[in-house]
Amino acid sequence: MPDMRPEPDTAEGDQQAAPMRRPLRWLWLSLLVVVLDLGSKALASNLLIYGQPVELLPVFDLTLLYNTGAAFSFLATSGGWQRWLFALLAVGASVGLSIWLTRLKRGEVLLAGSLALIIGGALGNLYDRLVRGYVVDFLSFHWSNSYYFPAFNLADTAITLGAIGLIIETLRDARRPRA
């Protein structure tokens, strides 16, 4: 008599359907980002003089700057209300991404790491906004002292790396065959 039991799912199918075990454990990465970000900002604030570059490479300086706006100093001269808007956005994004993190499937490691990096970066910059009223930036890239990329910090780096991870995951997901 033939075996009538259903065939077990493949390992790949299991990974796609099964929820990730303990997805919030990825928040350790967020915490690491916050600690490294705040520590590096404290060092920069204590060791650098505001606006005076310290050249490390011909294309890279450490330059202490304060940003009251968002990326690329967006809304930096808007009178102060933007501080609370960006703080609210950081809280909302962190909560939303944490909820997303809890809903990940087993095997979605790149997605989990990317979300954790973005959460950590958002919280690092949130601390600055709430405590200082501005974000401390100190990493400055330039070309021949004429073309400067806006200064940034480790939180911004984590957010950027997380966004790149999300893009890669989206592109990979678009190439996967649909069931």
N, C-alpha and C. Protein backbone atom coordinates (compact mmCIF):
# COMPACT_ATOMS: atom_id res chain seq x y z
N MET A 1 0.85 -1.17 0.00
CA MET A 1 0.00 0.00 0.00
C MET A 1 0.89 1.24 0.00
N PRO A 2 0.60 2.24 -0.85
CA PRO A 2 1.45 3.42 -0.94
C PRO A 2 1.30 4.30 0.30
N ASP A 3 2.39 5.02 0.60
CA ASP A 3 2.41 5.95 1.72
C ASP A 3 1.59 7.18 1.37
N MET A 4 0.55 7.49 2.15
CA MET A 4 -0.36 8.60 1.84
C MET A 4 -0.01 9.89 2.59
N ARG A 5 1.05 9.85 3.35
CA ARG A 5 1.44 11.07 4.07
C ARG A 5 1.95 12.12 3.08
N PRO A 6 1.68 13.41 3.35
CA PRO A 6 2.20 14.45 2.45
C PRO A 6 3.71 14.52 2.53
N GLU A 7 4.32 14.86 1.41
CA GLU A 7 5.77 14.98 1.38
C GLU A 7 6.18 16.20 2.19
N PRO A 8 7.27 16.07 2.91
CA PRO A 8 7.73 17.24 3.68
C PRO A 8 8.17 18.35 2.72
N ASP A 9 8.00 19.58 3.20
CA ASP A 9 8.45 20.73 2.41
C ASP A 9 9.96 20.69 2.28
N THR A 10 10.45 21.31 1.23
CA THR A 10 11.89 21.39 1.06
C THR A 10 12.45 22.34 2.10
N ALA A 11 13.76 22.25 2.31
CA ALA A 11 14.40 23.14 3.28
C ALA A 11 14.20 24.59 2.90
N GLU A 12 14.27 24.90 1.60
CA GLU A 12 14.07 26.27 1.16
C GLU A 12 12.65 26.72 1.43
N GLY A 13 11.69 25.87 1.18
CA GLY A 13 10.29 26.20 1.44
C GLY A 13 10.06 26.44 2.92
N ASP A 14 10.70 25.64 3.77
CA ASP A 14 10.57 25.82 5.21
C ASP A 14 11.10 27.19 5.63
N GLN A 15 12.25 27.58 5.04
CA GLN A 15 12.84 28.85 5.40
C GLN A 15 11.93 30.00 4.98
N GLN A 16 11.27 29.86 3.86
CA GLN A 16 10.42 30.94 3.37
C GLN A 16 9.15 31.08 4.20
N ALA A 17 8.61 29.97 4.70
CA ALA A 17 7.32 30.03 5.38
C ALA A 17 7.45 30.17 6.89
N ALA A 18 8.45 29.56 7.49
CA ALA A 18 8.58 29.56 8.94
C ALA A 18 9.02 30.93 9.45
N PRO A 19 8.44 31.39 10.54
CA PRO A 19 8.87 32.67 11.10
C PRO A 19 10.29 32.56 11.65
N MET A 20 10.98 33.67 11.67
CA MET A 20 12.33 33.72 12.22
C MET A 20 12.23 33.49 13.73
N ARG A 21 13.10 32.64 14.24
CA ARG A 21 13.13 32.42 15.68
C ARG A 21 13.83 33.60 16.35
N ARG A 22 13.20 34.18 17.32
CA ARG A 22 13.72 35.30 18.10
C ARG A 22 14.27 36.43 17.23
N PRO A 23 13.45 37.03 16.39
CA PRO A 23 13.95 38.08 15.50
C PRO A 23 14.45 39.33 16.23
N LEU A 24 13.93 39.57 17.43
CA LEU A 24 14.36 40.77 18.15
C LEU A 24 15.79 40.66 18.67
N ARG A 25 16.38 39.48 18.56
CA ARG A 25 17.79 39.36 18.96
C ARG A 25 18.67 40.22 18.06
N TRP A 26 18.16 40.60 16.88
CA TRP A 26 18.92 41.46 15.97
C TRP A 26 19.07 42.86 16.54
N LEU A 27 18.30 43.20 17.55
CA LEU A 27 18.42 44.53 18.14
C LEU A 27 19.76 44.72 18.85
N TRP A 28 20.49 43.62 19.10
CA TRP A 28 21.86 43.77 19.63
C TRP A 28 22.71 44.57 18.66
N LEU A 29 22.48 44.36 17.37
CA LEU A 29 23.22 45.11 16.35
C LEU A 29 22.84 46.59 16.41
N SER A 30 21.57 46.86 16.62
CA SER A 30 21.12 48.25 16.79
C SER A 30 21.80 48.89 17.99
N LEU A 31 21.86 48.16 19.09
CA LEU A 31 22.51 48.67 20.30
C LEU A 31 24.00 48.92 20.05
N LEU A 32 24.66 48.03 19.34
CA LEU A 32 26.08 48.21 19.01
C LEU A 32 26.27 49.49 18.18
N VAL A 33 25.40 49.71 17.21
CA VAL A 33 25.47 50.93 16.40
C VAL A 33 25.32 52.16 17.28
N VAL A 34 24.35 52.15 18.18
CA VAL A 34 24.12 53.31 19.06
C VAL A 34 25.35 53.56 19.93
N VAL A 35 25.91 52.52 20.53
CA VAL A 35 27.08 52.68 21.40
C VAL A 35 28.28 53.22 20.62
N LEU A 36 28.56 52.63 19.46
CA LEU A 36 29.69 53.10 18.65
C LEU A 36 29.46 54.52 18.15
N ASP A 37 28.24 54.82 17.74
CA ASP A 37 27.92 56.15 17.25
C ASP A 37 28.08 57.20 18.34
N LEU A 38 27.46 56.98 19.48
CA LEU A 38 27.54 57.97 20.56
C LEU A 38 28.96 58.10 21.09
N GLY A 39 29.67 56.98 21.16
CA GLY A 39 31.07 57.03 21.60
C GLY A 39 31.94 57.82 20.65
N SER A 40 31.77 57.59 19.35
CA SER A 40 32.58 58.32 18.36
C SER A 40 32.22 59.80 18.35
N LYS A 41 30.95 60.12 18.55
CA LYS A 41 30.54 61.53 18.60
C LYS A 41 31.11 62.21 19.84
N ALA A 42 31.16 61.50 20.97
CA ALA A 42 31.74 62.07 22.19
C ALA A 42 33.23 62.33 21.98
N LEU A 43 33.93 61.38 21.37
CA LEU A 43 35.36 61.57 21.08
C LEU A 43 35.57 62.77 20.16
N ALA A 44 34.78 62.82 19.09
CA ALA A 44 34.92 63.93 18.14
C ALA A 44 34.64 65.26 18.84
N SER A 45 33.61 65.31 19.67
CA SER A 45 33.25 66.55 20.37
C SER A 45 34.34 66.99 21.34
N ASN A 46 35.01 66.03 21.97
CA ASN A 46 36.05 66.35 22.96
C ASN A 46 37.42 66.62 22.34
N LEU A 47 37.71 66.02 21.19
CA LEU A 47 39.06 66.12 20.63
C LEU A 47 39.18 67.09 19.46
N LEU A 48 38.07 67.42 18.82
CA LEU A 48 38.12 68.29 17.65
C LEU A 48 37.61 69.69 17.98
N ILE A 49 38.10 70.67 17.25
CA ILE A 49 37.63 72.04 17.38
C ILE A 49 36.62 72.27 16.26
N TYR A 50 35.47 72.85 16.61
CA TYR A 50 34.38 73.03 15.66
C TYR A 50 34.88 73.71 14.38
N GLY A 51 34.58 73.08 13.24
CA GLY A 51 34.85 73.66 11.94
C GLY A 51 36.30 73.60 11.47
N GLN A 52 37.21 73.07 12.30
CA GLN A 52 38.62 73.01 11.90
C GLN A 52 38.97 71.58 11.48
N PRO A 53 39.20 71.38 10.18
CA PRO A 53 39.49 70.03 9.69
C PRO A 53 40.83 69.51 10.18
N VAL A 54 40.84 68.20 10.45
CA VAL A 54 42.07 67.48 10.75
C VAL A 54 42.24 66.47 9.63
N GLU A 55 43.21 66.73 8.76
CA GLU A 55 43.39 65.89 7.58
C GLU A 55 44.00 64.54 7.97
N LEU A 56 43.33 63.48 7.56
CA LEU A 56 43.85 62.13 7.76
C LEU A 56 44.35 61.54 6.45
N LEU A 57 43.68 61.88 5.37
CA LEU A 57 44.05 61.47 4.02
C LEU A 57 43.81 62.66 3.10
N PRO A 58 44.41 62.67 1.92
CA PRO A 58 44.17 63.81 1.02
C PRO A 58 42.69 64.01 0.67
N VAL A 59 41.87 62.99 0.84
CA VAL A 59 40.44 63.11 0.51
C VAL A 59 39.54 62.96 1.73
N PHE A 60 40.12 62.88 2.93
CA PHE A 60 39.31 62.60 4.12
C PHE A 60 39.82 63.40 5.31
N ASP A 61 38.91 64.13 5.94
CA ASP A 61 39.20 64.90 7.15
C ASP A 61 38.24 64.51 8.27
N LEU A 62 38.67 64.78 9.48
CA LEU A 62 37.75 64.79 10.61
C LEU A 62 37.43 66.26 10.86
N THR A 63 36.16 66.61 10.75
CA THR A 63 35.74 68.00 10.93
C THR A 63 34.46 68.01 11.76
N LEU A 64 34.55 68.57 12.96
CA LEU A 64 33.39 68.64 13.84
C LEU A 64 32.40 69.68 13.33
N LEU A 65 31.18 69.22 13.04
CA LEU A 65 30.10 70.09 12.58
C LEU A 65 28.81 69.69 13.29
N TYR A 66 27.89 70.64 13.40
CA TYR A 66 26.60 70.39 14.01
C TYR A 66 25.52 70.57 12.96
N ASN A 67 24.64 69.60 12.84
CA ASN A 67 23.59 69.62 11.82
C ASN A 67 22.23 69.65 12.51
N THR A 68 21.52 70.75 12.36
CA THR A 68 20.18 70.85 12.94
C THR A 68 19.11 70.34 11.98
N GLY A 69 19.53 69.97 10.78
CA GLY A 69 18.59 69.46 9.78
C GLY A 69 18.69 67.95 9.66
N ALA A 70 18.31 67.46 8.49
CA ALA A 70 18.39 66.03 8.20
C ALA A 70 19.56 65.80 7.24
N ALA A 71 19.48 64.74 6.46
CA ALA A 71 20.54 64.42 5.51
C ALA A 71 20.83 65.62 4.62
N PHE A 72 22.12 65.87 4.38
CA PHE A 72 22.58 66.98 3.54
C PHE A 72 22.09 68.32 4.09
N SER A 73 21.90 68.41 5.41
CA SER A 73 21.45 69.62 6.11
C SER A 73 20.08 70.09 5.65
N PHE A 74 19.26 69.17 5.17
CA PHE A 74 17.89 69.50 4.75
C PHE A 74 17.13 70.12 5.91
N LEU A 75 16.56 71.29 5.70
CA LEU A 75 15.78 72.07 6.67
C LEU A 75 16.62 72.55 7.86
N ALA A 76 17.92 72.65 7.70
CA ALA A 76 18.79 73.05 8.81
C ALA A 76 18.53 74.48 9.28
N THR A 77 18.01 75.32 8.42
CA THR A 77 17.80 76.72 8.78
C THR A 77 16.33 77.05 9.00
N SER A 78 15.57 76.08 9.46
CA SER A 78 14.11 76.26 9.56
C SER A 78 13.60 76.67 10.93
N GLY A 79 14.42 77.17 11.79
CA GLY A 79 13.93 77.77 13.02
C GLY A 79 13.71 76.84 14.21
N GLY A 80 14.00 75.57 14.12
CA GLY A 80 13.91 74.69 15.28
C GLY A 80 12.81 73.66 15.27
N TRP A 81 11.71 73.91 14.59
CA TRP A 81 10.61 72.94 14.57
C TRP A 81 11.04 71.62 13.95
N GLN A 82 12.00 71.66 13.03
CA GLN A 82 12.44 70.45 12.35
C GLN A 82 13.08 69.44 13.31
N ARG A 83 13.63 69.94 14.41
CA ARG A 83 14.20 69.05 15.43
C ARG A 83 13.15 68.04 15.89
N TRP A 84 11.95 68.52 16.17
CA TRP A 84 10.88 67.66 16.67
C TRP A 84 10.28 66.80 15.57
N LEU A 85 10.22 67.33 14.36
CA LEU A 85 9.74 66.53 13.24
C LEU A 85 10.67 65.34 12.99
N PHE A 86 11.97 65.60 12.95
CA PHE A 86 12.92 64.52 12.69
C PHE A 86 12.98 63.54 13.87
N ALA A 87 12.78 64.03 15.08
CA ALA A 87 12.73 63.14 16.24
C ALA A 87 11.51 62.22 16.15
N LEU A 88 10.37 62.80 15.79
CA LEU A 88 9.15 62.01 15.63
C LEU A 88 9.31 60.97 14.52
N LEU A 89 9.92 61.37 13.41
CA LEU A 89 10.17 60.43 12.31
C LEU A 89 11.09 59.29 12.75
N ALA A 90 12.12 59.61 13.53
CA ALA A 90 13.05 58.58 14.00
C ALA A 90 12.35 57.59 14.93
N VAL A 91 11.51 58.09 15.81
CA VAL A 91 10.76 57.20 16.70
C VAL A 91 9.80 56.33 15.89
N GLY A 92 9.06 56.95 14.99
CA GLY A 92 8.12 56.20 14.15
C GLY A 92 8.81 55.15 13.30
N ALA A 93 9.92 55.52 12.70
CA ALA A 93 10.67 54.57 11.87
C ALA A 93 11.21 53.42 12.72
N SER A 94 11.73 53.72 13.89
CA SER A 94 12.28 52.67 14.75
C SER A 94 11.20 51.69 15.20
N VAL A 95 10.05 52.21 15.57
CA VAL A 95 8.93 51.34 15.98
C VAL A 95 8.46 50.51 14.79
N GLY A 96 8.24 51.16 13.65
CA GLY A 96 7.77 50.45 12.46
C GLY A 96 8.75 49.38 12.00
N LEU A 97 10.03 49.70 11.99
CA LEU A 97 11.04 48.72 11.56
C LEU A 97 11.18 47.58 12.57
N SER A 98 10.99 47.89 13.85
CA SER A 98 11.02 46.82 14.87
C SER A 98 9.85 45.86 14.69
N ILE A 99 8.69 46.39 14.36
CA ILE A 99 7.53 45.53 14.09
C ILE A 99 7.81 44.68 12.86
N TRP A 100 8.36 45.29 11.82
CA TRP A 100 8.73 44.54 10.61
C TRP A 100 9.71 43.42 10.96
N LEU A 101 10.66 43.73 11.82
CA LEU A 101 11.66 42.75 12.25
C LEU A 101 11.00 41.53 12.89
N THR A 102 9.95 41.75 13.67
CA THR A 102 9.27 40.63 14.34
C THR A 102 8.54 39.73 13.35
N ARG A 103 8.30 40.21 12.15
CA ARG A 103 7.51 39.44 11.17
C ARG A 103 8.38 38.76 10.11
N LEU A 104 9.68 38.79 10.28
CA LEU A 104 10.56 38.19 9.29
C LEU A 104 10.47 36.67 9.30
N LYS A 105 10.78 36.10 8.16
CA LYS A 105 10.79 34.64 8.01
C LYS A 105 12.21 34.13 8.25
N ARG A 106 12.30 32.86 8.59
CA ARG A 106 13.59 32.23 8.78
C ARG A 106 14.41 32.37 7.50
N GLY A 107 15.67 32.71 7.64
CA GLY A 107 16.54 32.85 6.48
C GLY A 107 16.65 34.27 5.96
N GLU A 108 15.85 35.21 6.47
CA GLU A 108 15.91 36.59 6.00
C GLU A 108 16.95 37.38 6.81
N VAL A 109 18.17 36.89 6.75
CA VAL A 109 19.26 37.44 7.56
C VAL A 109 19.68 38.82 7.09
N LEU A 110 19.84 38.99 5.78
CA LEU A 110 20.24 40.30 5.26
C LEU A 110 19.19 41.35 5.60
N LEU A 111 17.94 41.00 5.48
CA LEU A 111 16.87 41.93 5.80
C LEU A 111 16.89 42.28 7.29
N ALA A 112 17.08 41.29 8.14
CA ALA A 112 17.12 41.54 9.59
C ALA A 112 18.29 42.45 9.95
N GLY A 113 19.46 42.17 9.41
CA GLY A 113 20.63 43.01 9.69
C GLY A 113 20.44 44.42 9.18
N SER A 114 19.84 44.56 8.01
CA SER A 114 19.60 45.88 7.43
C SER A 114 18.65 46.70 8.29
N LEU A 115 17.56 46.07 8.72
CA LEU A 115 16.61 46.76 9.59
C LEU A 115 17.26 47.18 10.90
N ALA A 116 18.07 46.29 11.47
CA ALA A 116 18.75 46.59 12.74
C ALA A 116 19.73 47.75 12.57
N LEU A 117 20.44 47.81 11.45
CA LEU A 117 21.36 48.93 11.22
C LEU A 117 20.61 50.25 11.12
N ILE A 118 19.50 50.25 10.43
CA ILE A 118 18.71 51.48 10.28
C ILE A 118 18.14 51.92 11.62
N ILE A 119 17.64 50.97 12.40
CA ILE A 119 17.10 51.29 13.73
C ILE A 119 18.20 51.91 14.60
N GLY A 120 19.37 51.28 14.62
CA GLY A 120 20.49 51.79 15.43
C GLY A 120 20.90 53.19 15.00
N GLY A 121 20.99 53.41 13.70
CA GLY A 121 21.36 54.74 13.21
C GLY A 121 20.32 55.78 13.55
N ALA A 122 19.06 55.43 13.40
CA ALA A 122 17.98 56.37 13.72
C ALA A 122 18.01 56.73 15.21
N LEU A 123 18.25 55.74 16.07
CA LEU A 123 18.28 56.01 17.51
C LEU A 123 19.51 56.81 17.92
N GLY A 124 20.65 56.56 17.26
CA GLY A 124 21.85 57.34 17.56
C GLY A 124 21.65 58.81 17.24
N ASN A 125 21.09 59.10 16.09
CA ASN A 125 20.83 60.50 15.73
C ASN A 125 19.67 61.09 16.54
N LEU A 126 18.71 60.25 16.93
CA LEU A 126 17.61 60.71 17.77
C LEU A 126 18.14 61.23 19.11
N TYR A 127 19.06 60.49 19.69
CA TYR A 127 19.66 60.92 20.96
C TYR A 127 20.24 62.33 20.81
N ASP A 128 21.02 62.54 19.76
CA ASP A 128 21.60 63.86 19.54
C ASP A 128 20.53 64.94 19.43
N ARG A 129 19.50 64.68 18.65
CA ARG A 129 18.45 65.68 18.44
C ARG A 129 17.77 66.04 19.75
N LEU A 130 17.46 65.02 20.57
CA LEU A 130 16.74 65.28 21.81
C LEU A 130 17.62 65.92 22.88
N VAL A 131 18.87 65.47 23.00
CA VAL A 131 19.75 65.95 24.07
C VAL A 131 20.48 67.23 23.68
N ARG A 132 20.98 67.29 22.45
CA ARG A 132 21.79 68.43 22.03
C ARG A 132 21.02 69.46 21.20
N GLY A 133 20.00 69.01 20.48
CA GLY A 133 19.28 69.90 19.57
C GLY A 133 19.87 69.90 18.17
N TYR A 134 20.91 69.12 17.96
CA TYR A 134 21.56 68.99 16.66
C TYR A 134 22.25 67.63 16.62
N VAL A 135 22.63 67.21 15.42
CA VAL A 135 23.36 65.96 15.25
C VAL A 135 24.83 66.29 15.04
N VAL A 136 25.70 65.58 15.74
CA VAL A 136 27.14 65.76 15.60
C VAL A 136 27.61 64.98 14.37
N ASP A 137 28.23 65.69 13.43
CA ASP A 137 28.84 65.08 12.26
C ASP A 137 30.34 65.37 12.31
N PHE A 138 31.15 64.45 11.80
CA PHE A 138 32.59 64.67 11.87
C PHE A 138 33.38 63.97 10.76
N LEU A 139 32.76 63.14 9.96
CA LEU A 139 33.46 62.45 8.87
C LEU A 139 33.26 63.27 7.60
N SER A 140 34.34 63.71 6.99
CA SER A 140 34.24 64.63 5.86
C SER A 140 35.13 64.16 4.71
N PHE A 141 34.49 63.83 3.60
CA PHE A 141 35.20 63.45 2.37
C PHE A 141 35.16 64.61 1.39
N HIS A 142 36.24 64.77 0.64
CA HIS A 142 36.31 65.87 -0.32
C HIS A 142 37.27 65.50 -1.44
N TRP A 143 37.23 66.30 -2.48
CA TRP A 143 38.15 66.12 -3.60
C TRP A 143 38.88 67.43 -3.83
N SER A 144 40.18 67.39 -3.69
CA SER A 144 41.09 68.53 -3.92
C SER A 144 40.63 69.80 -3.19
N ASN A 145 40.14 69.64 -2.00
CA ASN A 145 39.69 70.77 -1.17
C ASN A 145 38.72 71.71 -1.87
N SER A 146 38.03 71.21 -2.89
CA SER A 146 37.07 72.03 -3.61
C SER A 146 35.67 71.45 -3.58
N TYR A 147 35.57 70.14 -3.66
CA TYR A 147 34.28 69.47 -3.73
C TYR A 147 34.10 68.63 -2.47
N TYR A 148 33.19 69.05 -1.62
CA TYR A 148 32.97 68.38 -0.35
C TYR A 148 31.66 67.61 -0.35
N PHE A 149 31.72 66.38 0.12
CA PHE A 149 30.51 65.62 0.41
C PHE A 149 30.07 66.07 1.79
N PRO A 150 28.77 66.21 2.05
CA PRO A 150 28.35 66.66 3.39
C PRO A 150 28.89 65.74 4.49
N ALA A 151 29.32 66.36 5.57
CA ALA A 151 29.86 65.61 6.71
C ALA A 151 28.78 64.69 7.26
N PHE A 152 29.21 63.57 7.85
CA PHE A 152 28.27 62.60 8.40
C PHE A 152 28.90 61.91 9.60
N ASN A 153 28.21 60.93 10.16
CA ASN A 153 28.67 60.23 11.36
C ASN A 153 28.42 58.73 11.20
N LEU A 154 28.71 57.95 12.26
CA LEU A 154 28.53 56.49 12.17
C LEU A 154 27.06 56.10 12.09
N ALA A 155 26.17 56.86 12.70
CA ALA A 155 24.73 56.56 12.60
C ALA A 155 24.29 56.69 11.15
N ASP A 156 24.74 57.75 10.48
CA ASP A 156 24.40 57.93 9.07
C ASP A 156 24.96 56.78 8.23
N THR A 157 26.16 56.33 8.57
CA THR A 157 26.77 55.21 7.86
C THR A 157 25.94 53.94 8.03
N ALA A 158 25.48 53.69 9.25
CA ALA A 158 24.65 52.51 9.52
C ALA A 158 23.34 52.59 8.75
N ILE A 159 22.72 53.76 8.71
CA ILE A 159 21.47 53.93 7.97
C ILE A 159 21.71 53.67 6.49
N THR A 160 22.80 54.19 5.96
CA THR A 160 23.11 54.00 4.54
C THR A 160 23.37 52.53 4.23
N LEU A 161 24.16 51.85 5.06
CA LEU A 161 24.42 50.43 4.85
C LEU A 161 23.13 49.61 4.95
N GLY A 162 22.27 49.97 5.90
CA GLY A 162 20.98 49.29 6.02
C GLY A 162 20.11 49.50 4.79
N ALA A 163 20.10 50.72 4.27
CA ALA A 163 19.31 51.00 3.07
C ALA A 163 19.86 50.23 1.87
N ILE A 164 21.17 50.12 1.75
CA ILE A 164 21.78 49.33 0.67
C ILE A 164 21.36 47.87 0.81
N GLY A 165 21.38 47.37 2.05
CA GLY A 165 20.93 45.99 2.28
C GLY A 165 19.49 45.78 1.88
N LEU A 166 18.63 46.76 2.18
CA LEU A 166 17.22 46.66 1.78
C LEU A 166 17.07 46.64 0.26
N ILE A 167 17.86 47.45 -0.41
CA ILE A 167 17.81 47.47 -1.88
C ILE A 167 18.26 46.13 -2.44
N ILE A 168 19.35 45.60 -1.91
CA ILE A 168 19.84 44.29 -2.38
C ILE A 168 18.79 43.22 -2.14
N GLU A 169 18.19 43.23 -0.96
CA GLU A 169 17.16 42.24 -0.63
C GLU A 169 15.96 42.37 -1.56
N THR A 170 15.57 43.60 -1.87
CA THR A 170 14.46 43.82 -2.79
C THR A 170 14.78 43.29 -4.18
N LEU A 171 15.98 43.54 -4.64
CA LEU A 171 16.39 43.05 -5.96
C LEU A 171 16.46 41.53 -5.98
N ARG A 172 16.99 40.94 -4.92
CA ARG A 172 17.03 39.47 -4.83
C ARG A 172 15.64 38.89 -4.79
N ASP A 173 14.75 39.53 -4.03
CA ASP A 173 13.37 39.04 -3.92
C ASP A 173 12.65 39.12 -5.27
N ALA A 174 12.93 40.17 -6.03
CA ALA A 174 12.29 40.32 -7.34
C ALA A 174 12.73 39.23 -8.32
N ARG A 175 13.90 38.65 -8.11
CA ARG A 175 14.42 37.62 -9.00
C ARG A 175 13.98 36.22 -8.60
N ARG A 176 13.45 36.07 -7.38
CA ARG A 176 13.01 34.76 -6.91
C ARG A 176 11.74 34.34 -7.63
N PRO A 177 11.63 33.05 -7.98
CA PRO A 177 10.40 32.59 -8.61
C PRO A 177 9.24 32.62 -7.61
N ARG A 178 8.08 32.96 -8.10
CA ARG A 178 6.87 33.01 -7.26
C ARG A 178 6.22 31.64 -7.24
N ALA A 179 5.65 31.29 -6.08
CA ALA A 179 4.99 29.98 -5.94
C ALA A 179 3.64 29.98 -6.62
